[in-house]
Structure formats: structure tokens, C-alpha cells
Amino acid sequence: MSNKRRSGMTDKNLRLQFTMFNKKFFENRLGAWKVEFKKMKGMLGLCVYDNHTIYILDELRKFPDVVCVTLLHEMAHASLPEYESYQHFDDHGPQFHVKIDHLYKMGAYDGLL
């Protein structure tokens, strides 16, 4: 068994999950975004508009449900224009909250929370 297999989710798994979520919950509107695991400090995920990349904390690989919740969160950011996604002091504007509520009502978090 390879180290990747023992360490949990692979980069390929992450890309496949993104593709599935994009199709099911975002009407394939996020096609130009890339997703990658990355070593980071102080955050589980990050949506970078400049290079259209979503980063997920590398240490989460062993926790696929947490990866999926984090990925959905970052995809919600990516689905909104940057100024609508970050309008509030806590970096989550009102449109972001509407998007998360919509995802919840669509069943995006079923089995994950």
C-alpha cells in the first residue's frame, strides 16, 4: 500500500469531489477553479481569486467529511464575486451566508454534519 493511500484522500479524490459538487450544487459554474491540498497555518481552507485556486489544509486528508465540508465552504466563496463574498468583518458577507443556507437546503451537507 502506498503512502498516499494510507494518508487518506488524494489530490485526485479532491478534484473528483470538486467536480461532483460543482455539477450537483453549482450548475458547473466553477469549472475554471483548481483545487489542491496545501500546508497552511491558521485555516482549514482558502479561496484565492487571483489564481482561481481553492486550497484545503493538507492535514485534513485523513478526514474526508471535514474535507468535503471545507471544500463546500470554499466553493461557496468561489461562486460569488470577491466583493460579495467578503463584505463583513468576519470575512463572510451576507451573500455568502445566503449561499451556505442554499447549499444546506439542497442537501449538500447531508451525511457530513
PDB file of N, CA and C in Angstrom:
ATOM      1  N   MET A   1       0.842  -1.181   0.000  1.00  0.00           N
ATOM      2  CA  MET A   1       0.000   0.000   0.000  1.00  0.00           C
ATOM      3  C   MET A   1       0.886   1.244   0.000  1.00  0.00           C
ATOM      4  N   SER A   2       0.559   2.200  -0.850  1.00  0.00           N
ATOM      5  CA  SER A   2       1.375   3.408  -0.952  1.00  0.00           C
ATOM      6  C   SER A   2       1.116   4.352   0.213  1.00  0.00           C
ATOM      7  N   ASN A   3       2.033   5.299   0.428  1.00  0.00           N
ATOM      8  CA  ASN A   3       1.863   6.292   1.483  1.00  0.00           C
ATOM      9  C   ASN A   3       0.636   7.161   1.236  1.00  0.00           C
ATOM     10  N   LYS A   4       0.361   7.477  -0.030  1.00  0.00           N
ATOM     11  CA  LYS A   4      -0.806   8.291  -0.345  1.00  0.00           C
ATOM     12  C   LYS A   4      -2.080   7.604   0.128  1.00  0.00           C
ATOM     13  N   ARG A   5      -2.157   6.299  -0.098  1.00  0.00           N
ATOM     14  CA  ARG A   5      -3.350   5.541   0.272  1.00  0.00           C
ATOM     15  C   ARG A   5      -3.540   5.557   1.783  1.00  0.00           C
ATOM     16  N   ARG A   6      -2.459   5.368   2.526  1.00  0.00           N
ATOM     17  CA  ARG A   6      -2.532   5.345   3.981  1.00  0.00           C
ATOM     18  C   ARG A   6      -2.824   6.723   4.556  1.00  0.00           C
ATOM     19  N   SER A   7      -2.450   7.761   3.845  1.00  0.00           N
ATOM     20  CA  SER A   7      -2.615   9.113   4.383  1.00  0.00           C
ATOM     21  C   SER A   7      -4.006   9.672   4.134  1.00  0.00           C
ATOM     22  N   GLY A   8      -4.888   8.953   3.469  1.00  0.00           N
ATOM     23  CA  GLY A   8      -6.252   9.413   3.272  1.00  0.00           C
ATOM     24  C   GLY A   8      -6.510   9.893   1.859  1.00  0.00           C
ATOM     25  N   MET A   9      -7.270  10.944   1.762  1.00  0.00           N
ATOM     26  CA  MET A   9      -7.703  11.479   0.480  1.00  0.00           C
ATOM     27  C   MET A   9      -6.526  11.928  -0.378  1.00  0.00           C
ATOM     28  N   THR A  10      -6.576  11.601  -1.645  1.00  0.00           N
ATOM     29  CA  THR A  10      -5.523  12.022  -2.575  1.00  0.00           C
ATOM     30  C   THR A  10      -5.941  13.305  -3.280  1.00  0.00           C
ATOM     31  N   ASP A  11      -5.003  13.903  -3.995  1.00  0.00           N
ATOM     32  CA  ASP A  11      -5.317  15.093  -4.789  1.00  0.00           C
ATOM     33  C   ASP A  11      -6.380  14.754  -5.843  1.00  0.00           C
ATOM     34  N   LYS A  12      -6.274  13.563  -6.410  1.00  0.00           N
ATOM     35  CA  LYS A  12      -7.260  13.132  -7.404  1.00  0.00           C
ATOM     36  C   LYS A  12      -8.645  13.017  -6.778  1.00  0.00           C
ATOM     37  N   ASN A  13      -8.737  12.446  -5.566  1.00  0.00           N
ATOM     38  CA  ASN A  13     -10.019  12.372  -4.859  1.00  0.00           C
ATOM     39  C   ASN A  13     -10.603  13.765  -4.655  1.00  0.00           C
ATOM     40  N   LEU A  14      -9.747  14.714  -4.292  1.00  0.00           N
ATOM     41  CA  LEU A  14     -10.195  16.088  -4.051  1.00  0.00           C
ATOM     42  C   LEU A  14     -10.748  16.703  -5.330  1.00  0.00           C
ATOM     43  N   ARG A  15     -10.057  16.515  -6.441  1.00  0.00           N
ATOM     44  CA  ARG A  15     -10.532  17.055  -7.719  1.00  0.00           C
ATOM     45  C   ARG A  15     -11.857  16.406  -8.132  1.00  0.00           C
ATOM     46  N   LEU A  16     -11.979  15.101  -7.916  1.00  0.00           N
ATOM     47  CA  LEU A  16     -13.233  14.409  -8.242  1.00  0.00           C
ATOM     48  C   LEU A  16     -14.389  14.911  -7.375  1.00  0.00           C
ATOM     49  N   GLN A  17     -14.106  15.149  -6.103  1.00  0.00           N
ATOM     50  CA  GLN A  17     -15.137  15.671  -5.195  1.00  0.00           C
ATOM     51  C   GLN A  17     -15.568  17.057  -5.643  1.00  0.00           C
ATOM     52  N   PHE A  18     -14.600  17.898  -6.013  1.00  0.00           N
ATOM     53  CA  PHE A  18     -14.904  19.232  -6.523  1.00  0.00           C
ATOM     54  C   PHE A  18     -15.799  19.129  -7.757  1.00  0.00           C
ATOM     55  N   THR A  19     -15.446  18.257  -8.681  1.00  0.00           N
ATOM     56  CA  THR A  19     -16.224  18.091  -9.914  1.00  0.00           C
ATOM     57  C   THR A  19     -17.653  17.662  -9.608  1.00  0.00           C
ATOM     58  N   MET A  20     -17.814  16.728  -8.668  1.00  0.00           N
ATOM     59  CA  MET A  20     -19.146  16.272  -8.305  1.00  0.00           C
ATOM     60  C   MET A  20     -19.966  17.385  -7.653  1.00  0.00           C
ATOM     61  N   PHE A  21     -19.369  18.092  -6.694  1.00  0.00           N
ATOM     62  CA  PHE A  21     -20.066  19.201  -6.042  1.00  0.00           C
ATOM     63  C   PHE A  21     -20.393  20.305  -7.043  1.00  0.00           C
ATOM     64  N   ASN A  22     -19.467  20.595  -7.931  1.00  0.00           N
ATOM     65  CA  ASN A  22     -19.666  21.637  -8.933  1.00  0.00           C
ATOM     66  C   ASN A  22     -20.884  21.321  -9.798  1.00  0.00           C
ATOM     67  N   LYS A  23     -20.979  20.090 -10.210  1.00  0.00           N
ATOM     68  CA  LYS A  23     -22.105  19.667 -11.052  1.00  0.00           C
ATOM     69  C   LYS A  23     -23.418  19.668 -10.270  1.00  0.00           C
ATOM     70  N   LYS A  24     -23.388  19.096  -9.080  1.00  0.00           N
ATOM     71  CA  LYS A  24     -24.621  18.886  -8.313  1.00  0.00           C
ATOM     72  C   LYS A  24     -25.155  20.151  -7.643  1.00  0.00           C
ATOM     73  N   PHE A  25     -24.273  21.001  -7.146  1.00  0.00           N
ATOM     74  CA  PHE A  25     -24.711  22.138  -6.338  1.00  0.00           C
ATOM     75  C   PHE A  25     -24.398  23.518  -6.935  1.00  0.00           C
ATOM     76  N   PHE A  26     -23.555  23.574  -7.972  1.00  0.00           N
ATOM     77  CA  PHE A  26     -23.163  24.868  -8.532  1.00  0.00           C
ATOM     78  C   PHE A  26     -23.400  24.962 -10.039  1.00  0.00           C
ATOM     79  N   GLU A  27     -24.166  24.045 -10.592  1.00  0.00           N
ATOM     80  CA  GLU A  27     -24.519  24.040 -12.011  1.00  0.00           C
ATOM     81  C   GLU A  27     -23.284  24.154 -12.918  1.00  0.00           C
ATOM     82  N   ASN A  28     -22.198  23.550 -12.518  1.00  0.00           N
ATOM     83  CA  ASN A  28     -20.924  23.555 -13.278  1.00  0.00           C
ATOM     84  C   ASN A  28     -20.364  24.947 -13.542  1.00  0.00           C
ATOM     85  N   ARG A  29     -20.682  25.888 -12.710  1.00  0.00           N
ATOM     86  CA  ARG A  29     -20.222  27.269 -12.916  1.00  0.00           C
ATOM     87  C   ARG A  29     -18.797  27.510 -12.423  1.00  0.00           C
ATOM     88  N   LEU A  30     -18.224  26.547 -11.715  1.00  0.00           N
ATOM     89  CA  LEU A  30     -16.877  26.752 -11.159  1.00  0.00           C
ATOM     90  C   LEU A  30     -15.821  25.968 -11.927  1.00  0.00           C
ATOM     91  N   GLY A  31     -16.037  25.723 -13.184  1.00  0.00           N
ATOM     92  CA  GLY A  31     -15.130  24.894 -13.969  1.00  0.00           C
ATOM     93  C   GLY A  31     -13.699  25.372 -14.031  1.00  0.00           C
ATOM     94  N   ALA A  32     -13.466  26.676 -13.973  1.00  0.00           N
ATOM     95  CA  ALA A  32     -12.116  27.214 -14.131  1.00  0.00           C
ATOM     96  C   ALA A  32     -11.297  27.155 -12.836  1.00  0.00           C
ATOM     97  N   TRP A  33     -11.899  26.753 -11.737  1.00  0.00           N
ATOM     98  CA  TRP A  33     -11.189  26.707 -10.461  1.00  0.00           C
ATOM     99  C   TRP A  33     -10.400  25.413 -10.312  1.00  0.00           C
ATOM    100  N   LYS A  34      -9.230  25.536  -9.699  1.00  0.00           N
ATOM    101  CA  LYS A  34      -8.400  24.380  -9.366  1.00  0.00           C
ATOM    102  C   LYS A  34      -8.556  24.122  -7.867  1.00  0.00           C
ATOM    103  N   VAL A  35      -8.315  22.887  -7.447  1.00  0.00           N
ATOM    104  CA  VAL A  35      -8.334  22.551  -6.025  1.00  0.00           C
ATOM    105  C   VAL A  35      -7.077  21.768  -5.686  1.00  0.00           C
ATOM    106  N   GLU A  36      -6.497  22.091  -4.530  1.00  0.00           N
ATOM    107  CA  GLU A  36      -5.252  21.450  -4.118  1.00  0.00           C
ATOM    108  C   GLU A  36      -5.192  21.350  -2.604  1.00  0.00           C
ATOM    109  N   PHE A  37      -4.558  20.286  -2.121  1.00  0.00           N
ATOM    110  CA  PHE A  37      -4.195  20.222  -0.710  1.00  0.00           C
ATOM    111  C   PHE A  37      -2.936  21.056  -0.536  1.00  0.00           C
ATOM    112  N   LYS A  38      -2.843  21.740   0.614  1.00  0.00           N
ATOM    113  CA  LYS A  38      -1.686  22.601   0.853  1.00  0.00           C
ATOM    114  C   LYS A  38      -1.419  22.691   2.353  1.00  0.00           C
ATOM    115  N   LYS A  39      -0.144  22.763   2.704  1.00  0.00           N
ATOM    116  CA  LYS A  39       0.213  23.019   4.098  1.00  0.00           C
ATOM    117  C   LYS A  39      -0.066  24.488   4.384  1.00  0.00           C
ATOM    118  N   MET A  40      -0.875  24.736   5.418  1.00  0.00           N
ATOM    119  CA  MET A  40      -1.239  26.109   5.779  1.00  0.00           C
ATOM    120  C   MET A  40      -1.288  26.204   7.301  1.00  0.00           C
ATOM    121  N   LYS A  41      -1.277  27.418   7.779  1.00  0.00           N
ATOM    122  CA  LYS A  41      -1.407  27.648   9.217  1.00  0.00           C
ATOM    123  C   LYS A  41      -2.621  28.537   9.463  1.00  0.00           C
ATOM    124  N   GLY A  42      -3.403  28.173  10.458  1.00  0.00           N
ATOM    125  CA  GLY A  42      -4.495  29.021  10.904  1.00  0.00           C
ATOM    126  C   GLY A  42      -5.765  28.959  10.086  1.00  0.00           C
ATOM    127  N   MET A  43      -5.864  28.028   9.139  1.00  0.00           N
ATOM    128  CA  MET A  43      -7.097  27.920   8.350  1.00  0.00           C
ATOM    129  C   MET A  43      -7.241  26.509   7.793  1.00  0.00           C
ATOM    130  N   LEU A  44      -8.495  26.118   7.590  1.00  0.00           N
ATOM    131  CA  LEU A  44      -8.775  24.800   7.016  1.00  0.00           C
ATOM    132  C   LEU A  44      -8.818  24.848   5.500  1.00  0.00           C
ATOM    133  N   GLY A  45      -9.209  25.997   4.971  1.00  0.00           N
ATOM    134  CA  GLY A  45      -9.302  26.157   3.532  1.00  0.00           C
ATOM    135  C   GLY A  45      -9.111  27.610   3.152  1.00  0.00           C
ATOM    136  N   LEU A  46      -8.869  27.825   1.870  1.00  0.00           N
ATOM    137  CA  LEU A  46      -8.631  29.177   1.373  1.00  0.00           C
ATOM    138  C   LEU A  46      -9.072  29.260  -0.080  1.00  0.00           C
ATOM    139  N   CYS A  47      -9.799  30.303  -0.409  1.00  0.00           N
ATOM    140  CA  CYS A  47     -10.250  30.560  -1.772  1.00  0.00           C
ATOM    141  C   CYS A  47      -9.459  31.759  -2.290  1.00  0.00           C
ATOM    142  N   VAL A  48      -8.642  31.538  -3.314  1.00  0.00           N
ATOM    143  CA  VAL A  48      -7.793  32.601  -3.851  1.00  0.00           C
ATOM    144  C   VAL A  48      -8.313  32.993  -5.225  1.00  0.00           C
ATOM    145  N   TYR A  49      -8.879  34.185  -5.306  1.00  0.00           N
ATOM    146  CA  TYR A  49      -9.479  34.662  -6.551  1.00  0.00           C
ATOM    147  C   TYR A  49      -8.426  34.948  -7.627  1.00  0.00           C
ATOM    148  N   ASP A  50      -7.249  35.407  -7.216  1.00  0.00           N
ATOM    149  CA  ASP A  50      -6.218  35.798  -8.185  1.00  0.00           C
ATOM    150  C   ASP A  50      -5.827  34.662  -9.127  1.00  0.00           C
ATOM    151  N   ASN A  51      -5.705  33.450  -8.576  1.00  0.00           N
ATOM    152  CA  ASN A  51      -5.304  32.326  -9.424  1.00  0.00           C
ATOM    153  C   ASN A  51      -6.396  31.256  -9.536  1.00  0.00           C
ATOM    154  N   HIS A  52      -7.617  31.600  -9.102  1.00  0.00           N
ATOM    155  CA  HIS A  52      -8.760  30.681  -9.163  1.00  0.00           C
ATOM    156  C   HIS A  52      -8.406  29.303  -8.606  1.00  0.00           C
ATOM    157  N   THR A  53      -7.874  29.306  -7.377  1.00  0.00           N
ATOM    158  CA  THR A  53      -7.495  28.056  -6.720  1.00  0.00           C
ATOM    159  C   THR A  53      -8.097  27.998  -5.325  1.00  0.00           C
ATOM    160  N   ILE A  54      -8.615  26.839  -5.000  1.00  0.00           N
ATOM    161  CA  ILE A  54      -9.094  26.550  -3.653  1.00  0.00           C
ATOM    162  C   ILE A  54      -8.070  25.630  -3.020  1.00  0.00           C
ATOM    163  N   TYR A  55      -7.579  26.030  -1.855  1.00  0.00           N
ATOM    164  CA  TYR A  55      -6.632  25.219  -1.108  1.00  0.00           C
ATOM    165  C   TYR A  55      -7.331  24.619   0.102  1.00  0.00           C
ATOM    166  N   ILE A  56      -7.067  23.345   0.358  1.00  0.00           N
ATOM    167  CA  ILE A  56      -7.586  22.648   1.519  1.00  0.00           C
ATOM    168  C   ILE A  56      -6.390  22.195   2.350  1.00  0.00           C
ATOM    169  N   LEU A  57      -6.475  22.393   3.654  1.00  0.00           N
ATOM    170  CA  LEU A  57      -5.395  22.042   4.560  1.00  0.00           C
ATOM    171  C   LEU A  57      -4.983  20.586   4.374  1.00  0.00           C
ATOM    172  N   ASP A  58      -3.717  20.378   4.100  1.00  0.00           N
ATOM    173  CA  ASP A  58      -3.163  19.048   3.828  1.00  0.00           C
ATOM    174  C   ASP A  58      -3.446  18.059   4.959  1.00  0.00           C
ATOM    175  N   GLU A  59      -3.423  18.522   6.192  1.00  0.00           N
ATOM    176  CA  GLU A  59      -3.618  17.648   7.348  1.00  0.00           C
ATOM    177  C   GLU A  59      -5.034  17.060   7.422  1.00  0.00           C
ATOM    178  N   LEU A  60      -5.961  17.599   6.632  1.00  0.00           N
ATOM    179  CA  LEU A  60      -7.342  17.093   6.649  1.00  0.00           C
ATOM    180  C   LEU A  60      -7.530  15.843   5.802  1.00  0.00           C
ATOM    181  N   ARG A  61      -6.531  15.450   5.041  1.00  0.00           N
ATOM    182  CA  ARG A  61      -6.658  14.287   4.149  1.00  0.00           C
ATOM    183  C   ARG A  61      -7.263  13.068   4.847  1.00  0.00           C
ATOM    184  N   LYS A  62      -6.945  12.884   6.110  1.00  0.00           N
ATOM    185  CA  LYS A  62      -7.424  11.717   6.862  1.00  0.00           C
ATOM    186  C   LYS A  62      -8.882  11.852   7.286  1.00  0.00           C
ATOM    187  N   PHE A  63      -9.497  12.994   7.026  1.00  0.00           N
ATOM    188  CA  PHE A  63     -10.862  13.265   7.465  1.00  0.00           C
ATOM    189  C   PHE A  63     -11.717  13.712   6.274  1.00  0.00           C
ATOM    190  N   PRO A  64     -12.118  12.765   5.423  1.00  0.00           N
ATOM    191  CA  PRO A  64     -12.840  13.115   4.191  1.00  0.00           C
ATOM    192  C   PRO A  64     -14.092  13.961   4.403  1.00  0.00           C
ATOM    193  N   ASP A  65     -14.845  13.714   5.485  1.00  0.00           N
ATOM    194  CA  ASP A  65     -16.044  14.517   5.728  1.00  0.00           C
ATOM    195  C   ASP A  65     -15.688  15.977   5.994  1.00  0.00           C
ATOM    196  N   VAL A  66     -14.608  16.195   6.741  1.00  0.00           N
ATOM    197  CA  VAL A  66     -14.162  17.563   7.026  1.00  0.00           C
ATOM    198  C   VAL A  66     -13.652  18.215   5.741  1.00  0.00           C
ATOM    199  N   VAL A  67     -12.965  17.442   4.906  1.00  0.00           N
ATOM    200  CA  VAL A  67     -12.524  17.959   3.609  1.00  0.00           C
ATOM    201  C   VAL A  67     -13.731  18.410   2.807  1.00  0.00           C
ATOM    202  N   CYS A  68     -14.785  17.600   2.770  1.00  0.00           N
ATOM    203  CA  CYS A  68     -15.969  17.944   1.974  1.00  0.00           C
ATOM    204  C   CYS A  68     -16.666  19.191   2.500  1.00  0.00           C
ATOM    205  N   VAL A  69     -16.814  19.302   3.816  1.00  0.00           N
ATOM    206  CA  VAL A  69     -17.447  20.499   4.400  1.00  0.00           C
ATOM    207  C   VAL A  69     -16.598  21.733   4.079  1.00  0.00           C
ATOM    208  N   THR A  70     -15.294  21.615   4.227  1.00  0.00           N
ATOM    209  CA  THR A  70     -14.390  22.735   3.937  1.00  0.00           C
ATOM    210  C   THR A  70     -14.421  23.084   2.456  1.00  0.00           C
ATOM    211  N   LEU A  71     -14.422  22.078   1.609  1.00  0.00           N
ATOM    212  CA  LEU A  71     -14.476  22.312   0.166  1.00  0.00           C
ATOM    213  C   LEU A  71     -15.765  23.036  -0.217  1.00  0.00           C
ATOM    214  N   LEU A  72     -16.892  22.613   0.308  1.00  0.00           N
ATOM    215  CA  LEU A  72     -18.165  23.299   0.027  1.00  0.00           C
ATOM    216  C   LEU A  72     -18.110  24.759   0.478  1.00  0.00           C
ATOM    217  N   HIS A  73     -17.532  24.994   1.646  1.00  0.00           N
ATOM    218  CA  HIS A  73     -17.382  26.356   2.164  1.00  0.00           C
ATOM    219  C   HIS A  73     -16.579  27.220   1.192  1.00  0.00           C
ATOM    220  N   GLU A  74     -15.452  26.693   0.735  1.00  0.00           N
ATOM    221  CA  GLU A  74     -14.594  27.458  -0.179  1.00  0.00           C
ATOM    222  C   GLU A  74     -15.235  27.592  -1.556  1.00  0.00           C
ATOM    223  N   MET A  75     -15.971  26.597  -1.977  1.00  0.00           N
ATOM    224  CA  MET A  75     -16.691  26.695  -3.257  1.00  0.00           C
ATOM    225  C   MET A  75     -17.780  27.760  -3.183  1.00  0.00           C
ATOM    226  N   ALA A  76     -18.386  27.913  -2.015  1.00  0.00           N
ATOM    227  CA  ALA A  76     -19.373  28.991  -1.835  1.00  0.00           C
ATOM    228  C   ALA A  76     -18.703  30.345  -2.038  1.00  0.00           C
ATOM    229  N   HIS A  77     -17.508  30.514  -1.473  1.00  0.00           N
ATOM    230  CA  HIS A  77     -16.760  31.754  -1.719  1.00  0.00           C
ATOM    231  C   HIS A  77     -16.491  31.923  -3.214  1.00  0.00           C
ATOM    232  N   ALA A  78     -16.017  30.862  -3.850  1.00  0.00           N
ATOM    233  CA  ALA A  78     -15.638  30.933  -5.262  1.00  0.00           C
ATOM    234  C   ALA A  78     -16.827  31.245  -6.159  1.00  0.00           C
ATOM    235  N   SER A  79     -18.022  30.871  -5.742  1.00  0.00           N
ATOM    236  CA  SER A  79     -19.212  31.076  -6.571  1.00  0.00           C
ATOM    237  C   SER A  79     -19.707  32.514  -6.552  1.00  0.00           C
ATOM    238  N   LEU A  80     -19.177  33.308  -5.650  1.00  0.00           N
ATOM    239  CA  LEU A  80     -19.582  34.708  -5.518  1.00  0.00           C
ATOM    240  C   LEU A  80     -18.453  35.625  -5.958  1.00  0.00           C
ATOM    241  N   PRO A  81     -18.805  36.795  -6.467  1.00  0.00           N
ATOM    242  CA  PRO A  81     -17.737  37.776  -6.734  1.00  0.00           C
ATOM    243  C   PRO A  81     -17.008  38.083  -5.429  1.00  0.00           C
ATOM    244  N   GLU A  82     -15.736  38.338  -5.531  1.00  0.00           N
ATOM    245  CA  GLU A  82     -14.920  38.556  -4.336  1.00  0.00           C
ATOM    246  C   GLU A  82     -15.519  39.610  -3.409  1.00  0.00           C
ATOM    247  N   TYR A  83     -16.019  40.702  -3.937  1.00  0.00           N
ATOM    248  CA  TYR A  83     -16.538  41.770  -3.082  1.00  0.00           C
ATOM    249  C   TYR A  83     -17.828  41.360  -2.385  1.00  0.00           C
ATOM    250  N   GLU A  84     -18.589  40.403  -2.932  1.00  0.00           N
ATOM    251  CA  GLU A  84     -19.803  39.939  -2.262  1.00  0.00           C
ATOM    252  C   GLU A  84     -19.489  38.864  -1.239  1.00  0.00           C
ATOM    253  N   SER A  85     -18.416  38.136  -1.457  1.00  0.00           N
ATOM    254  CA  SER A  85     -18.055  37.053  -0.557  1.00  0.00           C
ATOM    255  C   SER A  85     -17.438  37.585   0.734  1.00  0.00           C
ATOM    256  N   TYR A  86     -16.723  38.697   0.647  1.00  0.00           N
ATOM    257  CA  TYR A  86     -16.006  39.250   1.794  1.00  0.00           C
ATOM    258  C   TYR A  86     -16.460  40.670   2.104  1.00  0.00           C
ATOM    259  N   GLN A  87     -17.690  40.823   2.579  1.00  0.00           N
ATOM    260  CA  GLN A  87     -18.190  42.166   2.874  1.00  0.00           C
ATOM    261  C   GLN A  87     -18.267  42.474   4.361  1.00  0.00           C
ATOM    262  N   HIS A  88     -17.963  41.541   5.178  1.00  0.00           N
ATOM    263  CA  HIS A  88     -18.199  41.712   6.596  1.00  0.00           C
ATOM    264  C   HIS A  88     -16.897  41.531   7.361  1.00  0.00           C
ATOM    265  N   PHE A  89     -16.840  42.038   8.572  1.00  0.00           N
ATOM    266  CA  PHE A  89     -15.605  41.972   9.337  1.00  0.00           C
ATOM    267  C   PHE A  89     -15.124  40.542   9.574  1.00  0.00           C
ATOM    268  N   ASP A  90     -16.016  39.564   9.534  1.00  0.00           N
ATOM    269  CA  ASP A  90     -15.591  38.181   9.760  1.00  0.00           C
ATOM    270  C   ASP A  90     -15.285  37.464   8.437  1.00  0.00           C
ATOM    271  N   ASP A  91     -15.164  38.223   7.351  1.00  0.00           N
ATOM    272  CA  ASP A  91     -14.837  37.704   6.024  1.00  0.00           C
ATOM    273  C   ASP A  91     -15.944  36.878   5.387  1.00  0.00           C
ATOM    274  N   HIS A  92     -17.161  36.978   5.907  1.00  0.00           N
ATOM    275  CA  HIS A  92     -18.282  36.259   5.323  1.00  0.00           C
ATOM    276  C   HIS A  92     -19.459  37.220   5.226  1.00  0.00           C
ATOM    277  N   GLY A  93     -19.654  37.752   4.033  1.00  0.00           N
ATOM    278  CA  GLY A  93     -20.717  38.718   3.811  1.00  0.00           C
ATOM    279  C   GLY A  93     -22.086  38.067   3.740  1.00  0.00           C
ATOM    280  N   PRO A  94     -23.123  38.895   3.641  1.00  0.00           N
ATOM    281  CA  PRO A  94     -24.496  38.386   3.633  1.00  0.00           C
ATOM    282  C   PRO A  94     -24.785  37.433   2.472  1.00  0.00           C
ATOM    283  N   GLN A  95     -24.231  37.704   1.296  1.00  0.00           N
ATOM    284  CA  GLN A  95     -24.459  36.809   0.159  1.00  0.00           C
ATOM    285  C   GLN A  95     -23.814  35.442   0.390  1.00  0.00           C
ATOM    286  N   PHE A  96     -22.692  35.436   1.097  1.00  0.00           N
ATOM    287  CA  PHE A  96     -22.045  34.175   1.436  1.00  0.00           C
ATOM    288  C   PHE A  96     -22.968  33.346   2.333  1.00  0.00           C
ATOM    289  N   HIS A  97     -23.556  33.986   3.328  1.00  0.00           N
ATOM    290  CA  HIS A  97     -24.460  33.278   4.235  1.00  0.00           C
ATOM    291  C   HIS A  97     -25.685  32.743   3.495  1.00  0.00           C
ATOM    292  N   VAL A  98     -26.189  33.492   2.548  1.00  0.00           N
ATOM    293  CA  VAL A  98     -27.314  33.028   1.728  1.00  0.00           C
ATOM    294  C   VAL A  98     -26.899  31.787   0.934  1.00  0.00           C
ATOM    295  N   LYS A  99     -25.697  31.807   0.376  1.00  0.00           N
ATOM    296  CA  LYS A  99     -25.206  30.675  -0.413  1.00  0.00           C
ATOM    297  C   LYS A  99     -25.057  29.427   0.457  1.00  0.00           C
ATOM    298  N   ILE A 100     -24.501  29.562   1.653  1.00  0.00           N
ATOM    299  CA  ILE A 100     -24.338  28.418   2.557  1.00  0.00           C
ATOM    300  C   ILE A 100     -25.703  27.862   2.942  1.00  0.00           C
ATOM    301  N   ASP A 101     -26.654  28.726   3.226  1.00  0.00           N
ATOM    302  CA  ASP A 101     -28.011  28.282   3.572  1.00  0.00           C
ATOM    303  C   ASP A 101     -28.630  27.512   2.403  1.00  0.00           C
ATOM    304  N   HIS A 102     -28.428  28.020   1.199  1.00  0.00           N
ATOM    305  CA  HIS A 102     -28.938  27.356  -0.009  1.00  0.00           C
ATOM    306  C   HIS A 102     -28.315  25.962  -0.163  1.00  0.00           C
ATOM    307  N   LEU A 103     -27.012  25.854   0.034  1.00  0.00           N
ATOM    308  CA  LEU A 103     -26.336  24.555  -0.054  1.00  0.00           C
ATOM    309  C   LEU A 103     -26.904  23.581   0.977  1.00  0.00           C
ATOM    310  N   TYR A 104     -27.119  24.082   2.191  1.00  0.00           N
ATOM    311  CA  TYR A 104     -27.679  23.241   3.248  1.00  0.00           C
ATOM    312  C   TYR A 104     -29.064  22.727   2.853  1.00  0.00           C
ATOM    313  N   LYS A 105     -29.901  23.614   2.340  1.00  0.00           N
ATOM    314  CA  LYS A 105     -31.268  23.229   1.944  1.00  0.00           C
ATOM    315  C   LYS A 105     -31.268  22.279   0.746  1.00  0.00           C
ATOM    316  N   MET A 106     -30.237  22.345  -0.098  1.00  0.00           N
ATOM    317  CA  MET A 106     -30.104  21.429  -1.241  1.00  0.00           C
ATOM    318  C   MET A 106     -29.606  20.048  -0.813  1.00  0.00           C
ATOM    319  N   GLY A 107     -29.179  19.926   0.435  1.00  0.00           N
ATOM    320  CA  GLY A 107     -28.694  18.646   0.926  1.00  0.00           C
ATOM    321  C   GLY A 107     -27.202  18.441   0.782  1.00  0.00           C
ATOM    322  N   ALA A 108     -26.468  19.507   0.504  1.00  0.00           N
ATOM    323  CA  ALA A 108     -25.018  19.379   0.287  1.00  0.00           C
ATOM    324  C   ALA A 108     -24.298  18.825   1.522  1.00  0.00           C
ATOM    325  N   TYR A 109     -24.832  19.096   2.703  1.00  0.00           N
ATOM    326  CA  TYR A 109     -24.153  18.674   3.931  1.00  0.00           C
ATOM    327  C   TYR A 109     -24.729  17.389   4.512  1.00  0.00           C
ATOM    328  N   ASP A 110     -25.711  16.792   3.847  1.00  0.00           N
ATOM    329  CA  ASP A 110     -26.306  15.554   4.355  1.00  0.00           C
ATOM    330  C   ASP A 110     -25.241  14.474   4.496  1.00  0.00           C
ATOM    331  N   GLY A 111     -25.187  13.872   5.659  1.00  0.00           N
ATOM    332  CA  GLY A 111     -24.216  12.812   5.916  1.00  0.00           C
ATOM    333  C   GLY A 111     -22.850  13.310   6.307  1.00  0.00           C
ATOM    334  N   LEU A 112     -22.639  14.633   6.237  1.00  0.00           N
ATOM    335  CA  LEU A 112     -21.332  15.207   6.584  1.00  0.00           C
ATOM    336  C   LEU A 112     -21.334  15.853   7.957  1.00  0.00           C
ATOM    337  N   LEU A 113     -22.472  16.380   8.382  1.00  0.00           N
ATOM    338  CA  LEU A 113     -22.553  17.101   9.669  1.00  0.00           C
ATOM    339  C   LEU A 113     -23.214  16.240  10.717  1.00  0.00           C
TER     340      LEU A 113
END
